[in-house]
Structures are given as C-alpha cells and as structure tokens.
C-alpha cells in the first residue's frame, strides 16, 4: 500500500511510501477528501520519510492540500523530507510555502 493514513488527536497523518507521483498523488487527494468529508479533519501532516521523489503532479497535490486546509482554517505540514525531495522543493521555490519538520513527532507537536 503506497499510503498510510492515521489520525492523531486533531491531525491526520498521511505517510507516502515511494514517489509522490501519479497514482500516489491521486491516492493522496482521495485520502484527504475522505478524511475531510467523513471525519471533518482540517489539519494534515504528510510524512515523506519513505519518499525520495516528488514530480509535478505531486507538487500540485501538495499545493492543493495546502489551499484546501487553509480554506478549512487548518494547516498542513511536511515531515521527514529526504534530501532529494527537499531539493525539489527548493528548486521549484516551493519550500517556503510549506512548514517542513525534520520528523513526524516534531510535526505532531506543532499541531497541538
């Protein structure tokens, strides 16, 4: 399974295993919509510890997630960015758009 979805208090953690591209990006969108509709979640952490690549579709999905959360007065954080994913965000100048934490526990502490 390329995505893990777990709820922690007020936040939903979605872990991506493999590239955030193609089907994984579409699955991320579907998982977010399901959490919003069924559980009224507005805060998300995308755990990218097990992901080493983000393509343009993945970047668009992250931007969509950020806009969706902000519309619900929630927030999104990225956790566990690997060097390659961090470089992709830097090259595309999208890194400042996201709150990036070194690991999942750090991101969850900031969600309280």
Protein backbone atom coordinates (compact mmCIF):
# COMPACT_ATOMS: atom_id res chain seq x y z
CA UNK A 1 0.00 0.00 0.00
CA UNK A 2 1.60 3.30 -1.08
CA UNK A 3 -0.21 5.44 1.54
CA UNK A 4 -0.71 5.10 5.27
CA UNK A 5 -3.44 7.17 6.87
CA UNK A 6 -3.60 7.55 10.66
CA UNK A 7 -5.37 10.03 12.91
CA UNK A 8 -3.64 11.67 15.87
CA UNK A 9 -5.87 13.90 18.01
CA UNK A 10 -6.73 16.82 15.70
CA UNK A 11 -4.48 15.84 12.79
CA UNK A 12 -4.42 13.20 10.12
CA UNK A 13 -1.03 11.79 9.14
CA UNK A 14 -0.67 10.52 5.61
CA UNK A 15 2.53 8.61 5.02
CA UNK A 16 3.74 8.24 1.44
CA UNK A 17 5.76 5.13 0.60
CA UNK A 18 7.56 5.59 -2.69
CA UNK A 19 7.35 8.50 -5.07
CA UNK A 20 4.75 11.23 -4.63
CA UNK A 21 3.75 11.00 -8.27
CA UNK A 22 0.98 9.64 -10.47
CA UNK A 23 -1.23 7.18 -8.63
CA UNK A 24 0.25 8.08 -5.22
CA UNK A 25 -0.64 11.76 -5.78
CA UNK A 26 -4.19 10.81 -6.79
CA UNK A 27 -4.47 8.49 -3.79
CA UNK A 28 -3.29 11.32 -1.50
CA UNK A 29 -6.03 13.62 -2.81
CA UNK A 30 -8.66 10.91 -2.35
CA UNK A 31 -7.47 10.14 1.19
CA UNK A 32 -7.57 13.82 2.14
CA UNK A 33 -11.08 14.29 0.76
CA UNK A 34 -12.25 11.18 2.61
CA UNK A 35 -10.79 12.44 5.91
CA UNK A 36 -12.34 15.88 5.44
CA UNK A 37 -15.78 14.56 4.49
CA UNK A 38 -16.03 11.65 6.92
CA UNK A 39 -14.08 12.94 9.94
CA UNK A 40 -14.07 16.75 9.45
CA UNK A 41 -10.26 16.84 9.66
CA UNK A 42 -8.60 20.16 8.74
CA UNK A 43 -5.00 19.51 9.87
CA UNK A 44 -2.72 17.20 7.92
CA UNK A 45 0.86 16.00 8.17
CA UNK A 46 2.32 14.46 5.03
CA UNK A 47 5.06 12.09 6.15
CA UNK A 48 7.62 11.85 3.33
CA UNK A 49 10.25 9.89 5.25
CA UNK A 50 9.85 6.92 2.86
CA UNK A 51 9.58 9.01 -0.29
CA UNK A 52 12.54 10.12 -2.36
CA UNK A 53 10.88 11.88 -5.30
CA UNK A 54 8.05 14.35 -5.96
CA UNK A 55 7.00 15.05 -9.55
CA UNK A 56 4.94 17.98 -10.85
CA UNK A 57 1.68 16.18 -10.10
CA UNK A 58 2.87 15.54 -6.55
CA UNK A 59 3.82 19.21 -6.13
CA UNK A 60 0.42 20.30 -7.42
CA UNK A 61 -1.23 17.88 -4.98
CA UNK A 62 0.71 19.37 -2.06
CA UNK A 63 -0.30 22.89 -3.13
CA UNK A 64 -3.91 21.76 -3.49
CA UNK A 65 -3.75 20.25 0.01
CA UNK A 66 -2.37 23.49 1.43
CA UNK A 67 -5.18 25.55 -0.17
CA UNK A 68 -7.80 23.02 0.93
CA UNK A 69 -6.60 23.08 4.55
CA UNK A 70 -6.38 26.87 4.65
CA UNK A 71 -9.97 27.11 3.39
CA UNK A 72 -10.97 24.98 6.41
CA UNK A 73 -8.81 27.05 8.78
CA UNK A 74 -6.45 24.10 9.11
CA UNK A 75 -2.81 23.59 8.33
CA UNK A 76 -0.54 21.19 6.53
CA UNK A 77 2.99 20.22 7.46
CA UNK A 78 5.54 18.09 5.67
CA UNK A 79 7.62 15.73 7.80
CA UNK A 80 10.76 13.71 7.20
CA UNK A 81 11.75 15.24 3.87
CA UNK A 82 14.57 13.31 2.23
CA UNK A 83 17.37 15.38 0.65
CA UNK A 84 16.10 14.83 -2.88
CA UNK A 85 12.55 15.95 -2.02
CA UNK A 86 13.89 19.00 -0.18
CA UNK A 87 15.99 19.90 -3.26
CA UNK A 88 12.92 19.57 -5.48
CA UNK A 89 11.01 21.99 -3.23
CA UNK A 90 13.97 24.38 -3.22
CA UNK A 91 14.49 24.29 -7.00
CA UNK A 92 10.79 24.92 -7.62
CA UNK A 93 10.85 27.66 -4.95
CA UNK A 94 8.00 25.96 -3.10
CA UNK A 95 9.85 25.18 0.13
CA UNK A 96 8.77 28.47 1.80
CA UNK A 97 5.13 27.58 1.07
CA UNK A 98 5.24 24.66 3.49
CA UNK A 99 6.06 24.10 7.12
CA UNK A 100 8.70 21.37 6.95
CA UNK A 101 9.65 19.42 10.08
CA UNK A 102 12.56 17.01 10.41
CA UNK A 103 10.35 14.12 11.58
CA UNK A 104 6.78 13.10 12.37
CA UNK A 105 6.95 13.65 16.16
CA UNK A 106 8.16 17.24 15.58
CA UNK A 107 5.28 17.91 13.17
CA UNK A 108 2.69 16.42 15.54
CA UNK A 109 3.97 18.52 18.48
CA UNK A 110 3.32 21.66 16.43
CA UNK A 111 -0.24 20.58 15.64
CA UNK A 112 -1.37 20.88 19.25
